[in-house]
Amino acid sequence: MTLAPGLLRPSRPIRRPLAALARHLGAVVHGDLRGRFATGITLRSQDVRPGDLFVGTPGAGAHGAGYAAAAQRSGAVALLTDAAGAALATDAGLPVLVVDDPRGRLGDAAAWILGTADAVPLLFGVTGTNGKTTTVTLLDHLLRRLGLRTGVSTTAERVVDGTRVPSRLTTPEADELHALLAAMRERRVDAGSFEVSAQALVRARVAGVRFDVAGFTNLSHDHLDDFGDMDAYLAAKARLFEPELARRGVVSLDSPAGERLVAISGVPVRTVAMDAQADWRITVTERSASATGFRLEGPGGERLSTRVPMLGAHAAADAGLAVALAVEGGVPFARIAAAVDGADLGAPVPGRLERLTAPGSPDVYLDVAHTPDAFEKSLAALRAVTRGRITIVFGADGDRDPSKRFDMGRVAALGADAVLVTDHHSRFEDPDAIRSTLLAGARAPRRADVREIPDPSTAIRVAVQESGPLDAVLWAGTGRTEYRDVRGEKRPYSFLREAHAALAERSAPAA
């Protein structure tokens, strides 16, 4: 069966009486619920399967209840919505459960229908600006190495015991999240690791879930278009560290926000740091283009030395956080040390300073870095292992926080020798205006060679052709994305394939 993005559901769902759900939610019922049962729940009419409760919520452009008739044709058994949605759906042929805030009640309804309030796996949730995907992925690698059956949810994919589907959002909506948990329980998964975005925390996507351990990586300039200022952004992240969402936490102190989060956390926390006093201490012991070695020391004198097969001290920080999360989740440190001491911890995370090489050519690093802080860390990691010059090729996403763009350009120019500003996902913004702000930031330090090359295929080829074998090229903000989003159209485009093509052309013998 071909699975839609984000959809992993139990194959043997339980039948739950809708009349009992209405009582549980305190819903006003329009229509007859006698003899009606729900086996699933969804916000999207396109995802409806027979037996689903369809949930209609107000949207920016339309009310979801307007799609109730389509949901009914696909097999929906009832509609959960608000009073405005009920008025829209009078001709849909579905009984209606009316609540004041259907989105806010979605997690509760999903947990009730899917039975995920109890008997779910050991759950880890990781939030922060940068490093969430790396931390979650490395934690999952570690748990699988220890013999556990796992599930994972990242920006890139959802995985349950080896079955994979692409993600639609960093953190799924509550209906998808609880379906994922139910699938994990059905397949006897031992532990699940989840990225938790700030948007998910303020939009109730993790409602009805309580993580055994919450993790915090860092906080830096991003998403101010959503949150307004850094204080509000931190407050959103801090919601994960309240008793209704987590039992305990591990907080990195490697950004100033870590100390603030410890002070306001509503659950007990341990701390981890590379550059500060903490319960768990990380010390980098080895740097190379393919790996970063580090020593981890715990609060009880525990110690292990391992390597993460990735470039940069920030990769070691993410790996150390992953180990601390596992220990706080009840995994014995001695068992972890026996598995990784003196060996690699995990595997490279695709699109995170992913190194591409070709004979006689510079190394090209493909990375998802799209904030000033991520640029600074990635460029510092490259500088530590590069004998020659560093060129950075980057753009910025349209319709996303514009306030970080000037600093993206400035930090790029401070850390690289050459800066090529190009287009990325312009969406509905003018790409010329996006590049203009990036260029202004890059030219402010009056340090690097700064150029504008709008076409990304041309930009990466110029960077590779003008670099020597001892040089490095960082293509930032792209990762393994397989499209470019322009005017609402996701145009097929592989940054990975273009990088390989640029290297092949550079290393090809002259005619």
Protein backbone atom coordinates (compact mmCIF):
# COMPACT_ATOMS: atom_id res chain seq x y z
CA MET A 1 0.00 0.00 0.00
CA THR A 2 1.25 3.48 -0.89
CA LEU A 3 1.22 5.64 2.22
CA ALA A 4 0.51 9.37 2.18
CA PRO A 5 3.06 11.66 3.80
CA GLY A 6 2.78 11.55 7.55
CA LEU A 7 0.29 8.68 7.71
CA LEU A 8 1.25 5.71 9.84
CA ARG A 9 -1.76 4.15 11.52
CA PRO A 10 -2.50 0.96 13.43
CA SER A 11 -3.61 -1.83 11.11
CA ARG A 12 -6.09 -3.23 13.66
CA PRO A 13 -7.80 -0.17 15.17
CA ILE A 14 -10.25 -0.50 18.02
CA ARG A 15 -13.91 0.54 17.66
CA ARG A 16 -14.93 3.33 20.04
CA PRO A 17 -18.56 4.43 20.57
CA LEU A 18 -19.13 8.00 19.46
CA ALA A 19 -21.81 8.60 22.09
CA ALA A 20 -19.23 7.91 24.80
CA LEU A 21 -16.76 10.25 23.08
CA ALA A 22 -19.39 13.01 23.05
CA ARG A 23 -19.85 12.58 26.80
CA HIS A 24 -16.07 12.57 27.32
CA LEU A 25 -15.70 15.85 25.42
CA GLY A 26 -18.85 17.44 26.82
CA ALA A 27 -19.98 17.97 23.22
CA VAL A 28 -23.40 19.12 22.05
CA VAL A 29 -24.67 16.50 19.60
CA HIS A 30 -26.66 17.19 16.44
CA GLY A 31 -27.98 13.94 15.00
CA ASP A 32 -28.11 10.33 16.14
CA LEU A 33 -24.91 8.66 17.41
CA ARG A 34 -26.56 5.36 18.37
CA GLY A 35 -24.69 2.42 16.87
CA ARG A 36 -21.92 4.63 15.48
CA PHE A 37 -18.30 3.83 16.21
CA ALA A 38 -15.03 5.55 15.29
CA THR A 39 -11.82 3.71 14.49
CA GLY A 40 -9.71 6.74 13.56
CA ILE A 41 -9.66 10.52 13.46
CA THR A 42 -8.34 13.07 10.98
CA LEU A 43 -8.25 16.80 10.23
CA ARG A 44 -7.79 16.33 6.49
CA SER A 45 -10.65 15.27 4.25
CA GLN A 46 -8.08 13.80 1.84
CA ASP A 47 -6.91 11.40 4.57
CA VAL A 48 -10.31 10.11 5.64
CA ARG A 49 -10.68 6.34 5.85
CA PRO A 50 -13.92 4.46 6.55
CA GLY A 51 -14.69 4.70 10.26
CA ASP A 52 -12.94 8.03 10.84
CA LEU A 53 -14.19 10.95 12.88
CA PHE A 54 -13.60 14.00 10.69
CA VAL A 55 -12.57 17.18 12.53
CA GLY A 56 -13.40 20.56 11.01
CA THR A 57 -11.51 23.55 12.40
CA PRO A 58 -11.39 27.23 11.39
CA GLY A 59 -8.56 27.98 8.97
CA ALA A 60 -6.89 31.06 7.53
CA GLY A 61 -8.82 30.80 4.27
CA ALA A 62 -11.75 28.49 4.97
CA HIS A 63 -13.40 26.41 7.66
CA GLY A 64 -12.50 22.72 7.54
CA ALA A 65 -16.12 21.74 8.16
CA GLY A 66 -16.83 22.91 4.62
CA TYR A 67 -15.23 19.63 3.49
CA ALA A 68 -17.53 17.47 5.61
CA ALA A 69 -19.52 16.20 2.62
CA ALA A 70 -16.32 15.02 0.94
CA ALA A 71 -15.28 13.37 4.20
CA GLN A 72 -18.65 11.60 4.40
CA ARG A 73 -18.23 10.23 0.88
CA SER A 74 -14.84 8.81 1.94
CA GLY A 75 -16.36 6.99 4.90
CA ALA A 76 -16.32 9.46 7.80
CA VAL A 77 -18.86 8.48 10.47
CA ALA A 78 -19.26 11.85 12.21
CA LEU A 79 -17.98 15.44 12.35
CA LEU A 80 -16.32 17.14 15.33
CA THR A 81 -16.40 20.93 14.93
CA ASP A 82 -17.53 24.23 16.45
CA ALA A 83 -20.87 26.01 16.06
CA ALA A 84 -19.75 27.80 12.88
CA GLY A 85 -18.63 24.49 11.38
CA ALA A 86 -21.89 22.80 12.31
CA ALA A 87 -23.80 25.49 10.41
CA LEU A 88 -21.63 24.86 7.34
CA ALA A 89 -22.12 21.10 7.44
CA THR A 90 -25.92 20.83 7.77
CA ASP A 91 -26.22 19.02 4.41
CA ALA A 92 -23.19 16.70 4.83
CA GLY A 93 -25.24 13.79 6.14
CA LEU A 94 -23.12 13.33 9.26
CA PRO A 95 -23.98 13.56 12.94
CA VAL A 96 -22.09 16.47 14.49
CA LEU A 97 -20.29 16.81 17.82
CA VAL A 98 -19.98 20.51 18.68
CA VAL A 99 -17.29 21.89 21.03
CA ASP A 100 -16.00 25.44 21.49
CA ASP A 101 -12.42 24.74 20.34
CA PRO A 102 -12.15 21.67 18.09
CA ARG A 103 -8.43 22.14 17.44
CA GLY A 104 -7.72 22.46 21.14
CA ARG A 105 -9.73 19.28 21.80
CA LEU A 106 -8.20 17.31 18.92
CA GLY A 107 -5.45 15.69 21.00
CA ASP A 108 -7.92 14.67 23.71
CA ALA A 109 -10.31 13.19 21.14
CA ALA A 110 -7.49 11.39 19.31
CA ALA A 111 -6.09 9.93 22.52
CA TRP A 112 -9.57 8.69 23.50
CA ILE A 113 -10.35 7.11 20.13
CA LEU A 114 -6.91 5.56 19.62
CA GLY A 115 -6.31 4.59 23.24
CA THR A 116 -2.98 6.38 23.49
CA ALA A 117 -3.43 7.91 26.93
CA ASP A 118 -1.79 4.79 28.38
CA ALA A 119 0.42 1.87 27.36
CA VAL A 120 2.52 3.81 24.85
CA PRO A 121 6.31 3.37 24.44
CA LEU A 122 8.99 5.23 26.35
CA LEU A 123 8.76 8.70 24.78
CA PHE A 124 11.45 11.32 24.17
CA GLY A 125 10.66 14.82 22.86
CA VAL A 126 13.37 17.23 21.71
CA THR A 127 12.89 20.95 21.09
CA GLY A 128 15.25 23.85 20.27
CA THR A 129 16.15 25.99 17.27
CA ASN A 130 18.93 23.88 15.77
CA GLY A 131 20.02 20.29 16.29
CA LYS A 132 16.63 18.68 16.88
CA THR A 133 16.83 16.31 13.93
CA THR A 134 20.43 15.32 14.68
CA THR A 135 19.71 14.69 18.37
CA VAL A 136 16.57 12.65 17.68
CA THR A 137 18.26 10.66 14.91
CA LEU A 138 21.34 9.88 17.01
CA LEU A 139 19.15 8.92 19.98
CA ASP A 140 17.22 6.55 17.74
CA HIS A 141 20.47 5.02 16.42
CA LEU A 142 21.67 4.52 19.98
CA LEU A 143 18.46 2.88 21.15
CA ARG A 144 18.43 0.52 18.17
CA ARG A 145 22.06 -0.40 18.80
CA LEU A 146 21.00 -1.42 22.30
CA GLY A 147 18.45 -3.80 20.80
CA LEU A 148 15.31 -1.73 21.31
CA ARG A 149 12.50 -1.60 18.78
CA THR A 150 11.99 2.09 17.98
CA GLY A 151 9.87 4.74 16.34
CA VAL A 152 10.98 8.20 15.32
CA SER A 153 9.43 11.44 14.07
CA THR A 154 11.60 14.14 12.49
CA THR A 155 11.30 16.99 10.02
CA ALA A 156 12.17 14.50 7.28
CA GLU A 157 10.23 11.34 8.11
CA ARG A 158 8.13 9.23 10.45
CA VAL A 159 9.38 5.70 11.17
CA VAL A 160 7.77 2.83 13.07
CA ASP A 161 9.93 -0.27 13.40
CA GLY A 162 11.47 0.24 9.95
CA THR A 163 8.35 1.43 8.07
CA ARG A 164 8.96 4.95 6.78
CA VAL A 165 6.81 7.76 5.40
CA PRO A 166 7.82 11.35 4.57
CA SER A 167 6.77 14.11 6.96
CA ARG A 168 4.44 16.99 6.25
CA LEU A 169 5.41 19.04 9.32
CA THR A 170 8.30 18.95 11.77
CA THR A 171 5.81 17.78 14.41
CA PRO A 172 2.62 16.14 13.12
CA GLU A 173 -0.85 17.41 13.91
CA ALA A 174 -2.37 15.76 16.98
CA ASP A 175 -4.48 13.31 14.97
CA GLU A 176 -1.41 12.02 13.09
CA LEU A 177 0.71 12.03 16.23
CA HIS A 178 -1.70 9.82 18.17
CA ALA A 179 -2.13 7.51 15.18
CA LEU A 180 1.66 7.20 15.09
CA LEU A 181 1.72 6.36 18.81
CA ALA A 182 -1.03 3.77 18.30
CA ALA A 183 0.95 2.19 15.46
CA MET A 184 4.03 2.08 17.70
CA ARG A 185 2.08 0.36 20.44
CA GLU A 186 0.59 -2.15 18.00
CA ARG A 187 4.07 -3.05 16.71
CA ARG A 188 5.45 -3.37 20.25
CA VAL A 189 7.86 -0.45 19.88
CA ASP A 190 9.98 0.06 23.00
CA ALA A 191 10.85 3.75 22.57
CA GLY A 192 9.85 6.67 20.38
CA SER A 193 11.86 9.85 19.72
CA PHE A 194 10.16 13.01 18.45
CA GLU A 195 11.13 16.46 17.26
CA VAL A 196 8.84 19.01 18.92
CA SER A 197 8.67 22.44 17.30
CA ALA A 198 7.66 25.66 19.03
CA GLN A 199 4.74 25.93 16.61
CA ALA A 200 3.57 22.46 17.67
CA LEU A 201 3.66 23.49 21.32
CA VAL A 202 1.54 26.62 20.89
CA ARG A 203 -0.87 25.00 18.40
CA ALA A 204 -1.73 21.97 20.54
CA ARG A 205 -0.18 19.40 18.19
CA VAL A 206 1.25 17.44 21.13
CA ALA A 207 -1.92 17.70 23.24
CA GLY A 208 -2.74 14.44 24.97
CA VAL A 209 0.90 13.24 24.92
CA ARG A 210 3.22 13.15 27.93
CA PHE A 211 6.89 12.59 27.14
CA ASP A 212 8.98 10.64 29.60
CA VAL A 213 11.96 12.91 28.92
CA ALA A 214 12.06 16.30 27.19
CA GLY A 215 15.29 17.63 25.66
CA PHE A 216 16.40 21.17 24.76
CA THR A 217 19.23 21.83 22.29
CA ASN A 218 19.56 25.64 22.02
CA LEU A 219 17.74 28.83 21.15
CA SER A 220 18.82 31.26 18.46
CA HIS A 221 17.29 33.79 16.06
CA ASP A 222 14.49 32.16 14.07
CA HIS A 223 10.69 32.14 13.70
CA LEU A 224 10.25 35.69 14.98
CA ASP A 225 7.59 36.07 12.29
CA ASP A 226 5.55 33.67 14.44
CA PHE A 227 6.61 34.70 17.95
CA GLY A 228 7.55 38.37 17.75
CA ASP A 229 10.60 38.31 20.01
CA MET A 230 13.05 35.88 21.59
CA ASP A 231 11.30 35.92 24.97
CA ALA A 232 8.05 34.69 23.41
CA TYR A 233 9.97 32.14 21.35
CA LEU A 234 11.61 30.72 24.50
CA ALA A 235 8.28 30.70 26.32
CA ALA A 236 6.85 28.56 23.53
CA LYS A 237 9.73 26.08 23.81
CA ALA A 238 9.41 26.03 27.60
CA ARG A 239 5.91 24.58 27.34
CA LEU A 240 7.51 21.19 26.72
CA PHE A 241 8.98 21.36 30.23
CA GLU A 242 5.64 21.52 32.04
CA PRO A 243 4.20 18.50 33.93
CA GLU A 244 1.32 17.93 31.50
CA LEU A 245 3.78 17.37 28.64
CA ALA A 246 6.87 15.83 30.27
CA ARG A 247 7.99 13.99 33.39
CA ARG A 248 11.59 15.23 33.42
CA GLY A 249 14.07 16.98 31.13
CA VAL A 250 17.64 17.44 29.94
CA VAL A 251 18.66 20.99 29.01
CA SER A 252 21.76 22.06 27.10
CA LEU A 253 23.48 25.11 28.55
CA ASP A 254 25.45 25.83 25.38
CA SER A 255 23.18 28.75 24.51
CA PRO A 256 22.23 31.47 27.03
CA ALA A 257 18.59 30.38 26.92
CA GLY A 258 19.51 27.08 28.59
CA GLU A 259 20.02 28.67 32.00
CA ARG A 260 16.76 30.58 31.66
CA LEU A 261 14.89 27.41 30.76
CA VAL A 262 16.30 25.58 33.79
CA ALA A 263 15.06 28.40 36.01
CA ILE A 264 11.49 28.27 34.69
CA SER A 265 11.14 24.53 34.04
CA GLY A 266 8.14 22.97 35.69
CA VAL A 267 9.75 19.50 35.77
CA PRO A 268 13.06 18.22 37.23
CA VAL A 269 15.94 18.69 34.79
CA ARG A 270 19.52 17.62 34.32
CA THR A 271 21.91 19.84 32.37
CA VAL A 272 24.46 19.10 29.67
CA ALA A 273 27.11 21.43 28.26
CA MET A 274 30.30 21.77 26.32
CA ASP A 275 31.20 25.28 27.44
CA ALA A 276 29.67 25.54 30.93
CA GLN A 277 29.42 23.68 34.23
CA ALA A 278 26.69 21.05 33.96
CA ASP A 279 25.59 17.64 35.19
CA TRP A 280 26.82 16.11 31.93
CA ARG A 281 30.06 17.50 30.44
CA ILE A 282 31.13 17.12 26.79
CA THR A 283 34.77 17.58 25.74
CA VAL A 284 35.76 17.38 22.07
CA THR A 285 38.82 15.15 21.66
CA GLU A 286 39.10 14.73 17.88
CA ARG A 287 38.17 16.73 14.79
CA SER A 288 38.32 15.53 11.21
CA ALA A 289 36.35 16.00 8.01
CA SER A 290 34.44 12.78 8.65
CA ALA A 291 34.08 12.51 12.44
CA THR A 292 34.14 14.32 15.77
CA GLY A 293 35.40 12.50 18.85
CA PHE A 294 34.31 13.48 22.33
CA ARG A 295 34.36 12.45 25.96
CA LEU A 296 31.18 12.49 28.02
CA GLU A 297 31.28 12.65 31.82
CA GLY A 298 28.14 12.15 33.90
CA PRO A 299 26.93 13.45 37.28
CA GLY A 300 27.90 10.23 39.06
CA GLY A 301 31.40 9.99 37.60
CA GLU A 302 30.26 8.03 34.54
CA ARG A 303 32.57 8.41 31.57
CA LEU A 304 32.73 7.26 27.98
CA SER A 305 34.70 8.23 24.89
CA THR A 306 33.08 7.89 21.51
CA ARG A 307 32.84 9.50 18.07
CA VAL A 308 29.97 10.80 16.03
CA PRO A 309 30.55 10.31 12.28
CA MET A 310 29.75 13.95 11.57
CA LEU A 311 31.67 17.19 11.36
CA GLY A 312 31.63 19.81 14.11
CA ALA A 313 31.55 20.38 17.85
CA HIS A 314 27.80 20.99 17.58
CA ALA A 315 27.38 17.39 16.39
CA ALA A 316 29.19 16.22 19.54
CA ALA A 317 26.87 18.43 21.61
CA ASP A 318 23.81 16.84 20.01
CA ALA A 319 25.24 13.35 20.54
CA GLY A 320 26.02 14.05 24.19
CA LEU A 321 22.47 15.30 24.71
CA ALA A 322 21.14 12.11 23.09
CA VAL A 323 23.10 9.94 25.55
CA ALA A 324 21.92 11.99 28.53
CA LEU A 325 18.32 11.69 27.35
CA ALA A 326 18.63 7.91 27.11
CA VAL A 327 20.06 7.70 30.65
CA GLU A 328 17.32 9.95 32.05
CA GLY A 329 14.83 7.67 30.29
CA GLY A 330 16.08 4.73 32.34
CA VAL A 331 18.66 3.17 30.02
CA PRO A 332 21.66 2.10 32.17
CA PHE A 333 24.77 4.15 31.41
CA ALA A 334 26.93 1.02 31.64
CA ARG A 335 24.91 -0.55 28.86
CA ILE A 336 25.38 2.51 26.65
CA ALA A 337 29.10 2.68 27.36
CA ALA A 338 29.53 -0.99 26.49
CA ALA A 339 27.88 -0.34 23.12
CA VAL A 340 29.65 2.88 22.07
CA ASP A 341 32.79 3.43 24.15
CA GLY A 342 35.67 3.63 21.70
CA ALA A 343 33.33 3.22 18.72
CA ASP A 344 31.10 5.44 16.59
CA LEU A 345 27.80 6.57 18.07
CA GLY A 346 25.17 6.41 15.38
CA ALA A 347 25.54 7.16 11.69
CA PRO A 348 25.77 10.36 9.62
CA VAL A 349 22.51 12.30 9.47
CA PRO A 350 21.65 13.03 5.81
CA GLY A 351 21.81 16.72 4.95
CA ARG A 352 23.73 17.69 8.11
CA LEU A 353 27.17 18.84 6.89
CA GLU A 354 26.99 15.94 4.47
CA ARG A 355 30.37 15.66 2.75
CA LEU A 356 30.58 15.10 -1.02
CA THR A 357 33.95 14.52 -2.68
CA ALA A 358 35.46 13.94 -6.11
CA PRO A 359 39.08 13.55 -7.31
CA GLY A 360 40.96 16.85 -7.58
CA SER A 361 37.97 18.85 -6.35
CA PRO A 362 37.05 20.73 -3.19
CA ASP A 363 34.89 19.06 -0.58
CA VAL A 364 31.26 20.14 -0.85
CA TYR A 365 29.16 20.09 2.33
CA LEU A 366 25.40 19.98 2.01
CA ASP A 367 23.66 21.34 5.10
CA VAL A 368 20.25 22.47 6.32
CA ALA A 369 21.68 25.48 8.20
CA HIS A 370 19.27 28.41 7.77
CA THR A 371 19.87 30.62 10.83
CA PRO A 372 22.77 32.90 11.78
CA ASP A 373 23.73 30.60 14.66
CA ALA A 374 23.72 27.51 12.44
CA PHE A 375 25.87 29.33 9.86
CA GLU A 376 28.37 30.30 12.55
CA LYS A 377 28.65 26.74 13.90
CA SER A 378 28.87 25.08 10.49
CA LEU A 379 31.50 27.50 9.20
CA ALA A 380 33.54 27.14 12.41
CA ALA A 381 33.41 23.36 12.02
CA LEU A 382 34.66 23.64 8.43
CA ARG A 383 37.40 26.10 9.35
CA ALA A 384 38.78 23.61 11.90
CA VAL A 385 39.37 20.94 9.21
CA THR A 386 39.93 22.96 6.01
CA ARG A 387 43.43 23.91 4.92
CA GLY A 388 42.30 26.19 2.11
CA ARG A 389 39.52 28.69 1.44
CA ILE A 390 35.84 28.30 2.32
CA THR A 391 33.01 29.40 0.03
CA ILE A 392 29.42 29.49 1.26
CA VAL A 393 26.48 29.31 -1.16
CA PHE A 394 23.11 30.14 0.36
CA GLY A 395 19.71 31.75 0.00
CA ALA A 396 16.80 32.31 2.38
CA ASP A 397 13.25 30.99 2.49
CA GLY A 398 10.51 33.32 1.40
CA ASP A 399 7.46 33.83 3.63
CA ARG A 400 9.59 32.97 6.66
CA ASP A 401 11.18 35.15 9.34
CA PRO A 402 12.80 38.00 7.37
CA SER A 403 14.41 39.54 10.46
CA LYS A 404 17.23 36.95 10.47
CA ARG A 405 18.33 37.53 6.87
CA PHE A 406 20.73 40.43 7.39
CA ASP A 407 22.53 38.50 10.14
CA MET A 408 22.64 35.37 7.97
CA GLY A 409 24.58 37.36 5.39
CA ARG A 410 26.80 39.04 7.99
CA VAL A 411 27.72 35.77 9.73
CA ALA A 412 28.37 34.10 6.37
CA ALA A 413 30.85 36.83 5.44
CA LEU A 414 32.59 36.65 8.82
CA GLY A 415 33.07 32.88 8.62
CA ALA A 416 33.77 32.28 4.91
CA ASP A 417 36.27 33.64 2.41
CA ALA A 418 33.74 33.88 -0.43
CA VAL A 419 29.97 34.34 -0.30
CA LEU A 420 27.61 33.48 -3.16
CA VAL A 421 24.01 34.57 -2.55
CA THR A 422 21.43 32.63 -4.57
CA ASP A 423 17.75 31.64 -4.53
CA HIS A 424 16.23 28.94 -2.39
CA HIS A 425 12.47 28.64 -1.67
CA SER A 426 11.24 32.12 -2.58
CA ARG A 427 7.59 31.06 -2.23
CA PHE A 428 5.40 34.15 -2.74
CA GLU A 429 8.11 36.71 -1.99
CA ASP A 430 10.16 38.64 -4.52
CA PRO A 431 13.46 36.70 -4.73
CA ASP A 432 15.31 39.90 -5.66
CA ALA A 433 14.24 41.46 -2.35
CA ILE A 434 15.29 38.39 -0.38
CA ARG A 435 18.74 38.43 -1.98
CA SER A 436 19.08 42.17 -1.44
CA THR A 437 18.85 41.83 2.34
CA LEU A 438 21.24 38.86 2.40
CA LEU A 439 23.73 40.79 0.29
CA ALA A 440 23.52 43.87 2.52
CA GLY A 441 24.38 41.71 5.51
CA ALA A 442 27.22 39.96 3.69
CA ARG A 443 28.77 43.25 2.56
CA ALA A 444 28.58 44.90 5.98
CA PRO A 445 31.81 43.37 7.39
CA ARG A 446 33.76 44.34 4.21
CA ARG A 447 35.68 41.10 4.55
CA ALA A 448 34.64 38.35 2.13
CA ASP A 449 34.33 38.26 -1.64
CA VAL A 450 30.54 38.66 -2.01
CA ARG A 451 28.61 37.94 -5.21
CA GLU A 452 25.00 37.50 -6.30
CA ILE A 453 24.16 34.49 -8.51
CA PRO A 454 20.36 33.99 -8.54
CA ASP A 455 20.29 30.58 -10.21
CA PRO A 456 21.34 27.94 -7.62
CA SER A 457 22.61 25.49 -10.25
CA THR A 458 24.94 28.17 -11.60
CA ALA A 459 25.94 29.26 -8.11
CA ILE A 460 27.10 25.82 -6.96
CA ARG A 461 29.01 25.29 -10.20
CA VAL A 462 30.80 28.63 -9.87
CA ALA A 463 31.70 27.83 -6.27
CA VAL A 464 33.09 24.39 -7.16
CA GLN A 465 34.91 25.51 -10.30
CA GLU A 466 36.64 28.38 -8.49
CA SER A 467 37.74 26.25 -5.52
CA GLY A 468 40.85 24.09 -5.27
CA PRO A 469 41.37 20.58 -3.84
CA LEU A 470 42.23 21.96 -0.38
CA ASP A 471 39.18 24.25 -0.30
CA ALA A 472 35.64 23.63 0.94
CA VAL A 473 32.21 24.70 -0.29
CA LEU A 474 29.24 24.90 2.08
CA TRP A 475 25.85 24.81 0.35
CA ALA A 476 23.66 25.94 3.25
CA GLY A 477 19.93 25.84 3.84
CA THR A 478 19.29 23.08 1.33
CA GLY A 479 20.09 19.67 2.75
CA ARG A 480 18.54 16.90 0.70
CA THR A 481 15.46 18.86 -0.31
CA GLU A 482 14.03 17.48 -3.57
CA TYR A 483 12.19 20.59 -4.72
CA ARG A 484 12.18 24.37 -4.80
CA ASP A 485 9.03 26.14 -3.62
CA VAL A 486 8.30 29.01 -6.04
CA ARG A 487 4.93 30.82 -6.15
CA GLY A 488 3.25 27.92 -4.38
CA GLU A 489 4.63 25.34 -6.83
CA LYS A 490 7.03 22.68 -5.59
CA ARG A 491 9.28 22.41 -8.62
CA PRO A 492 11.38 19.21 -8.73
CA TYR A 493 14.96 20.12 -7.88
CA SER A 494 17.60 18.04 -6.14
CA PHE A 495 20.31 20.04 -4.37
CA LEU A 496 22.18 16.77 -3.78
CA ARG A 497 22.11 15.85 -7.46
CA GLU A 498 23.20 19.34 -8.50
CA ALA A 499 26.12 19.22 -6.06
CA HIS A 500 27.25 15.86 -7.40
CA ALA A 501 26.94 17.18 -10.98
CA ALA A 502 29.05 20.24 -10.14
CA LEU A 503 31.77 18.02 -8.66
CA ALA A 504 31.68 15.66 -11.64
CA GLU A 505 32.10 18.55 -14.04
CA ARG A 506 34.98 19.95 -11.97
CA SER A 507 36.86 16.66 -11.84
CA ALA A 508 36.27 15.65 -15.47
CA PRO A 509 39.43 15.69 -17.61
CA ALA A 510 39.73 18.58 -20.02
CA ALA A 511 38.73 17.74 -23.62
